[in-house]
Amino acid sequence: MSSTITKVALAGATGNLGPAILAALVKAGFAVTVLTRQASPANLPPSVTAVQVDYDSLDSLVSALTGQDAVISTIAGAALSKQLLLIDAAVQAGVKRFLPSEFGSNTLNAKTAALPITRDKVTVQAALAAQAAANPAFSYTLVINGPFLDWCAAVGLTVDVKKKHIVLYDGGERKYSATTLGSVGKAVVGVLRHTEETRNRPVYVQDVAISQRELAEIAKRATGGPDGWTEEVAGTEEALGRGWAELKGEKPNPMVFFIEFLKAVIWGEGYGSLFEKVDNELLGLKGLTDGEVQTILEGLV
């Protein structure tokens, strides 16, 4: 392990991604402190320390982060802006490395960054860059991993193996980068072990570069063959339109417009969803074969 980073604070240990990152950090031997709103969070490994914080209090956050080498945030949704105070606290506490709640689409792509669902992430990026420029001892890394390969299949976003159904956007031929939750955890560990190589920049990781049609063929094998499968054709521009319509409505449903925008980001043209260069080798990711993807999908049937 790098002598630079030994103590890590994790903000957002629950949800979809938090537990995977927590498990990877513990397995790698880091001393992990979980920041929590609850006095006694459940289901934490015995080696993990829990500290109750007020995310609206700079003093509370500075106290919790003092002595920590790195902060990893998986704060999501409407709470993304809470990271701005967390960044200020990290700088004041002497934290060396901050990994914000990216862990998804390519927000360094101009077309993706212009969408409302990425606005808070872009704001956080600017805050990190400003703090790193003003404080040379402070640095950051943005982990960009595309959609979660396993989770998106489990909820039927990319393919529905239980109903044997897939919606093919823009023909389903456009490839995109995707990564499992577990591999994102490994990538985080890789960043903390390679701090100089990952300093103040995005890192791109993927388990696969795959098209929807390729995923559909693997899914059919995972369910024993093509019998019973149905395919639907749709357009990403229409999804984008539905997202804007929902957002501009009288009572917009965040989950509705988020998913519609996400469809455009993953499968639309020009959103940078297929990474041109990846940091897999540096961060210790080997990628997945079609057979390994099939095994993941078989576990969802």
Protein backbone atom coordinates (compact mmCIF):
# COMPACT_ATOMS: atom_id res chain seq x y z
CA MET A 1 0.00 0.00 0.00
CA SER A 2 1.17 3.51 -0.67
CA SER A 3 2.62 5.15 2.42
CA THR A 4 0.85 8.35 1.39
CA ILE A 5 -2.70 7.11 1.87
CA THR A 6 -3.57 4.89 4.82
CA LYS A 7 -6.61 6.49 6.44
CA VAL A 8 -9.71 6.92 4.30
CA ALA A 9 -13.05 8.58 5.06
CA LEU A 10 -16.07 7.38 3.07
CA ALA A 11 -19.08 9.66 2.73
CA GLY A 12 -22.08 7.66 1.58
CA ALA A 13 -21.38 4.05 2.52
CA THR A 14 -24.93 2.95 1.70
CA GLY A 15 -26.81 3.03 -1.59
CA ASN A 16 -25.77 1.09 -4.67
CA LEU A 17 -22.06 1.88 -4.86
CA GLY A 18 -21.00 2.70 -1.30
CA PRO A 19 -20.93 -0.90 -0.01
CA ALA A 20 -18.79 -2.05 -2.96
CA ILE A 21 -16.21 0.68 -2.37
CA LEU A 22 -16.26 0.04 1.37
CA ALA A 23 -15.64 -3.68 0.83
CA ALA A 24 -12.73 -2.96 -1.53
CA LEU A 25 -11.12 -0.52 0.90
CA VAL A 26 -11.41 -2.93 3.82
CA LYS A 27 -10.03 -5.82 1.75
CA ALA A 28 -7.08 -3.66 0.69
CA GLY A 29 -6.22 -2.91 4.30
CA PHE A 30 -7.05 0.78 4.55
CA ALA A 31 -8.19 2.21 7.88
CA VAL A 32 -11.72 3.28 6.96
CA THR A 33 -13.96 5.80 8.69
CA VAL A 34 -17.55 6.04 7.49
CA LEU A 35 -19.25 9.42 7.76
CA THR A 36 -22.88 8.94 8.70
CA ARG A 37 -25.92 10.96 9.67
CA GLN A 38 -27.05 8.14 11.95
CA ALA A 39 -25.64 7.55 15.43
CA SER A 40 -25.30 3.78 14.96
CA PRO A 41 -25.24 2.70 11.31
CA ALA A 42 -25.95 -0.97 10.72
CA ASN A 43 -24.01 -3.66 8.85
CA LEU A 44 -20.55 -2.11 8.96
CA PRO A 45 -17.51 -4.42 9.14
CA PRO A 46 -15.97 -4.55 12.63
CA SER A 47 -12.75 -2.88 11.44
CA VAL A 48 -14.62 0.21 10.22
CA THR A 49 -15.10 3.30 12.38
CA ALA A 50 -18.35 5.25 12.10
CA VAL A 51 -18.47 8.97 12.83
CA GLN A 52 -21.73 10.88 12.95
CA VAL A 53 -21.57 14.19 11.05
CA ASP A 54 -23.73 17.14 10.12
CA TYR A 55 -23.17 17.71 6.39
CA ASP A 56 -24.34 21.30 6.82
CA SER A 57 -21.74 22.10 9.50
CA LEU A 58 -18.16 22.93 8.50
CA ASP A 59 -16.95 22.40 12.07
CA SER A 60 -18.56 18.96 12.25
CA LEU A 61 -16.97 17.90 8.97
CA VAL A 62 -13.52 19.30 9.77
CA SER A 63 -13.55 17.46 13.09
CA ALA A 64 -14.49 14.18 11.38
CA LEU A 65 -11.89 14.55 8.62
CA THR A 66 -8.93 15.63 10.73
CA GLY A 67 -6.28 12.93 10.50
CA GLN A 68 -7.72 11.40 7.32
CA ASP A 69 -5.53 11.07 4.24
CA ALA A 70 -8.31 10.72 1.68
CA VAL A 71 -12.03 11.32 1.30
CA ILE A 72 -14.22 9.30 -1.04
CA SER A 73 -17.74 10.55 -1.68
CA THR A 74 -20.59 8.50 -3.06
CA ILE A 75 -23.18 11.09 -2.05
CA ALA A 76 -25.83 10.97 -4.75
CA GLY A 77 -28.86 12.70 -6.22
CA ALA A 78 -30.10 15.94 -4.73
CA ALA A 79 -27.37 15.80 -2.06
CA LEU A 80 -24.50 16.15 -4.57
CA SER A 81 -24.09 19.84 -3.73
CA LYS A 82 -23.37 18.87 -0.10
CA GLN A 83 -19.91 17.96 -1.36
CA LEU A 84 -18.95 21.63 -1.68
CA LEU A 85 -18.79 22.05 2.10
CA LEU A 86 -17.19 18.62 2.40
CA ILE A 87 -14.41 19.78 0.05
CA ASP A 88 -13.84 22.93 2.12
CA ALA A 89 -13.68 20.80 5.25
CA ALA A 90 -11.25 18.36 3.65
CA VAL A 91 -8.88 21.19 2.77
CA GLN A 92 -9.07 22.65 6.27
CA ALA A 93 -8.51 19.22 7.83
CA GLY A 94 -5.38 18.56 5.77
CA VAL A 95 -6.82 15.79 3.60
CA LYS A 96 -4.49 14.90 0.71
CA ARG A 97 -6.84 13.35 -1.85
CA PHE A 98 -10.55 13.79 -2.59
CA LEU A 99 -12.56 11.48 -4.85
CA PRO A 100 -15.95 13.12 -5.51
CA SER A 101 -19.16 11.35 -6.40
CA GLU A 102 -18.53 10.88 -10.11
CA PHE A 103 -18.60 7.12 -10.75
CA GLY A 104 -20.71 7.26 -13.89
CA SER A 105 -21.03 9.03 -17.22
CA ASN A 106 -18.25 10.97 -18.91
CA THR A 107 -18.85 14.39 -17.37
CA LEU A 108 -15.67 15.68 -19.02
CA ASN A 109 -17.53 15.44 -22.32
CA ALA A 110 -19.07 18.82 -23.21
CA LYS A 111 -22.37 17.37 -24.41
CA THR A 112 -22.78 15.32 -21.22
CA ALA A 113 -21.67 18.18 -18.98
CA ALA A 114 -24.35 20.45 -20.46
CA LEU A 115 -27.22 18.27 -19.22
CA PRO A 116 -29.05 19.19 -16.00
CA ILE A 117 -28.39 15.80 -14.40
CA THR A 118 -24.63 16.47 -14.41
CA ARG A 119 -24.73 20.13 -13.37
CA ASP A 120 -23.87 19.51 -9.72
CA LYS A 121 -20.99 17.21 -10.66
CA VAL A 122 -19.52 19.89 -12.92
CA THR A 123 -19.84 22.44 -10.12
CA VAL A 124 -17.99 20.08 -7.78
CA GLN A 125 -15.25 19.59 -10.37
CA ALA A 126 -14.70 23.34 -10.54
CA ALA A 127 -14.52 23.59 -6.74
CA LEU A 128 -11.96 20.80 -6.58
CA ALA A 129 -9.81 22.36 -9.30
CA ALA A 130 -9.86 25.72 -7.52
CA GLN A 131 -8.92 24.22 -4.16
CA ALA A 132 -6.14 22.10 -5.68
CA ALA A 133 -4.71 25.17 -7.42
CA ALA A 134 -4.75 27.19 -4.21
CA ASN A 135 -3.56 24.37 -1.93
CA PRO A 136 -0.75 22.24 -3.42
CA ALA A 137 -1.04 19.67 -0.61
CA PHE A 138 -4.63 18.95 -1.66
CA SER A 139 -5.50 16.96 -4.79
CA TYR A 140 -8.38 15.11 -6.39
CA THR A 141 -9.24 12.31 -8.80
CA LEU A 142 -12.42 11.85 -10.85
CA VAL A 143 -13.34 8.19 -11.41
CA ILE A 144 -15.32 7.79 -14.66
CA ASN A 145 -16.65 4.27 -15.17
CA GLY A 146 -19.81 4.49 -17.27
CA PRO A 147 -23.01 2.70 -16.22
CA PHE A 148 -22.76 -0.09 -13.66
CA LEU A 149 -22.79 -3.25 -15.75
CA ASP A 150 -24.31 -5.51 -13.09
CA TRP A 151 -26.66 -3.05 -11.37
CA CYS A 152 -28.12 -1.66 -14.62
CA ALA A 153 -28.93 -5.19 -15.77
CA ALA A 154 -30.36 -6.08 -12.36
CA VAL A 155 -32.88 -3.22 -12.55
CA GLY A 156 -33.63 -3.79 -16.23
CA LEU A 157 -32.15 -0.53 -17.53
CA THR A 158 -29.75 -2.03 -20.07
CA VAL A 159 -31.40 -5.43 -20.51
CA ASP A 160 -34.17 -7.28 -18.67
CA VAL A 161 -33.16 -10.92 -18.39
CA LYS A 162 -36.16 -11.81 -16.23
CA LYS A 163 -38.67 -10.57 -18.78
CA LYS A 164 -36.39 -11.48 -21.70
CA HIS A 165 -36.70 -8.01 -23.17
CA ILE A 166 -34.35 -5.33 -24.42
CA VAL A 167 -34.92 -1.83 -25.81
CA LEU A 168 -32.41 -1.07 -28.56
CA TYR A 169 -31.64 2.65 -28.76
CA ASP A 170 -30.57 4.13 -32.10
CA GLY A 171 -30.27 0.63 -33.53
CA GLY A 172 -28.35 -0.84 -30.61
CA GLU A 173 -25.01 -0.90 -32.45
CA ARG A 174 -23.25 1.96 -30.65
CA LYS A 175 -20.69 0.71 -28.13
CA TYR A 176 -20.37 2.14 -24.62
CA SER A 177 -18.07 1.55 -21.64
CA ALA A 178 -19.51 -0.18 -18.56
CA THR A 179 -18.09 -1.37 -15.24
CA THR A 180 -19.33 -3.57 -12.40
CA LEU A 181 -19.74 -2.18 -8.90
CA GLY A 182 -16.94 -4.42 -7.66
CA SER A 183 -14.53 -3.17 -10.30
CA VAL A 184 -15.31 0.44 -9.39
CA GLY A 185 -14.26 -0.45 -5.85
CA LYS A 186 -11.00 -1.90 -7.18
CA ALA A 187 -10.43 1.24 -9.25
CA VAL A 188 -10.78 3.40 -6.15
CA VAL A 189 -8.16 1.29 -4.38
CA GLY A 190 -5.95 1.65 -7.45
CA VAL A 191 -6.23 5.43 -7.32
CA LEU A 192 -5.22 5.51 -3.65
CA ARG A 193 -2.22 3.30 -4.42
CA HIS A 194 -1.13 5.44 -7.37
CA THR A 195 -1.63 8.95 -6.08
CA GLU A 196 0.96 10.69 -8.23
CA GLU A 197 -0.19 9.11 -11.49
CA THR A 198 -3.82 10.01 -10.76
CA ARG A 199 -3.30 13.46 -9.29
CA ASN A 200 -5.79 16.16 -10.32
CA ARG A 201 -7.20 14.34 -13.30
CA PRO A 202 -9.98 12.01 -14.41
CA VAL A 203 -9.31 8.29 -14.64
CA TYR A 204 -11.35 6.14 -17.01
CA VAL A 205 -12.10 2.49 -16.30
CA GLN A 206 -14.25 -0.16 -17.93
CA ASP A 207 -14.93 -3.87 -17.63
CA VAL A 208 -16.36 -3.98 -21.13
CA ALA A 209 -16.88 -1.89 -24.24
CA ILE A 210 -20.12 -3.33 -25.53
CA SER A 211 -23.12 -2.55 -27.72
CA GLN A 212 -26.72 -3.27 -26.80
CA ARG A 213 -26.96 -5.88 -29.54
CA GLU A 214 -23.86 -7.63 -28.18
CA LEU A 215 -25.32 -7.48 -24.68
CA ALA A 216 -28.59 -8.92 -26.00
CA GLU A 217 -26.80 -11.91 -27.52
CA ILE A 218 -24.98 -12.61 -24.25
CA ALA A 219 -28.24 -12.23 -22.33
CA LYS A 220 -29.96 -14.74 -24.61
CA ARG A 221 -27.22 -17.28 -23.91
CA ALA A 222 -27.56 -16.56 -20.19
CA THR A 223 -31.26 -17.50 -20.34
CA GLY A 224 -30.73 -20.67 -22.35
CA GLY A 225 -31.36 -19.33 -25.84
CA PRO A 226 -33.35 -16.80 -27.87
CA ASP A 227 -36.79 -18.35 -27.25
CA GLY A 228 -39.21 -15.91 -25.66
CA TRP A 229 -37.06 -12.84 -26.18
CA THR A 230 -38.56 -9.60 -27.47
CA GLU A 231 -36.81 -6.54 -28.81
CA GLU A 232 -38.05 -2.97 -28.99
CA VAL A 233 -36.53 -0.13 -31.00
CA ALA A 234 -36.33 3.41 -29.62
CA GLY A 235 -34.43 6.66 -30.17
CA THR A 236 -32.18 8.57 -27.81
CA GLU A 237 -33.41 11.93 -29.12
CA GLU A 238 -36.94 10.95 -28.10
CA ALA A 239 -35.65 9.93 -24.66
CA LEU A 240 -33.92 13.29 -24.38
CA GLY A 241 -37.16 15.04 -25.30
CA ARG A 242 -39.08 13.12 -22.64
CA GLY A 243 -36.45 14.09 -20.10
CA TRP A 244 -36.76 17.78 -20.87
CA ALA A 245 -40.56 17.59 -20.91
CA GLU A 246 -40.60 15.97 -17.47
CA LEU A 247 -38.06 18.42 -16.07
CA LYS A 248 -40.06 21.43 -17.29
CA GLY A 249 -43.37 20.04 -16.02
CA GLU A 250 -45.33 21.39 -13.09
CA LYS A 251 -44.15 18.65 -10.72
CA PRO A 252 -41.09 17.00 -12.29
CA ASN A 253 -40.23 13.51 -11.09
CA PRO A 254 -36.42 13.36 -10.70
CA MET A 255 -36.30 9.62 -11.33
CA VAL A 256 -38.21 9.98 -14.59
CA PHE A 257 -36.13 12.75 -16.14
CA PHE A 258 -32.88 11.29 -14.78
CA ILE A 259 -33.45 7.93 -16.47
CA GLU A 260 -34.51 9.53 -19.76
CA PHE A 261 -31.44 11.78 -19.86
CA LEU A 262 -29.28 8.81 -18.88
CA LYS A 263 -30.50 6.81 -21.87
CA ALA A 264 -29.30 9.59 -24.15
CA VAL A 265 -25.96 9.86 -22.37
CA ILE A 266 -25.23 6.12 -22.53
CA TRP A 267 -26.48 5.32 -26.03
CA GLY A 268 -26.70 8.65 -27.82
CA GLU A 269 -24.12 9.99 -30.24
CA GLY A 270 -21.40 12.34 -29.04
CA TYR A 271 -21.70 11.92 -25.27
CA GLY A 272 -18.31 10.24 -24.81
CA SER A 273 -19.80 7.03 -23.44
CA LEU A 274 -17.19 4.87 -25.18
CA PHE A 275 -13.90 5.79 -23.55
CA GLU A 276 -11.06 6.47 -25.98
CA LYS A 277 -8.38 5.57 -23.43
CA VAL A 278 -8.70 3.71 -20.13
CA ASP A 279 -6.57 3.49 -16.99
CA ASN A 280 -7.35 -0.18 -16.35
CA GLU A 281 -3.73 -1.33 -16.32
CA LEU A 282 -2.60 1.38 -13.90
CA LEU A 283 -5.50 0.73 -11.53
CA GLY A 284 -5.39 -3.07 -11.64
CA LEU A 285 -8.51 -3.85 -13.69
CA LYS A 286 -8.39 -6.74 -16.15
CA GLY A 287 -11.79 -6.33 -17.79
CA LEU A 288 -14.39 -9.04 -18.37
CA THR A 289 -14.81 -11.63 -21.10
CA ASP A 290 -18.18 -12.33 -22.73
CA GLY A 291 -18.32 -15.50 -20.65
CA GLU A 292 -17.85 -13.56 -17.44
CA VAL A 293 -20.57 -11.11 -18.45
CA GLN A 294 -22.81 -14.09 -19.17
CA THR A 295 -22.15 -15.44 -15.67
CA ILE A 296 -23.22 -12.10 -14.19
CA LEU A 297 -26.45 -12.15 -16.19
CA GLU A 298 -27.11 -15.79 -15.28
CA GLY A 299 -27.08 -14.72 -11.65
CA LEU A 300 -29.95 -12.32 -12.37
CA VAL A 301 -32.27 -14.82 -14.05
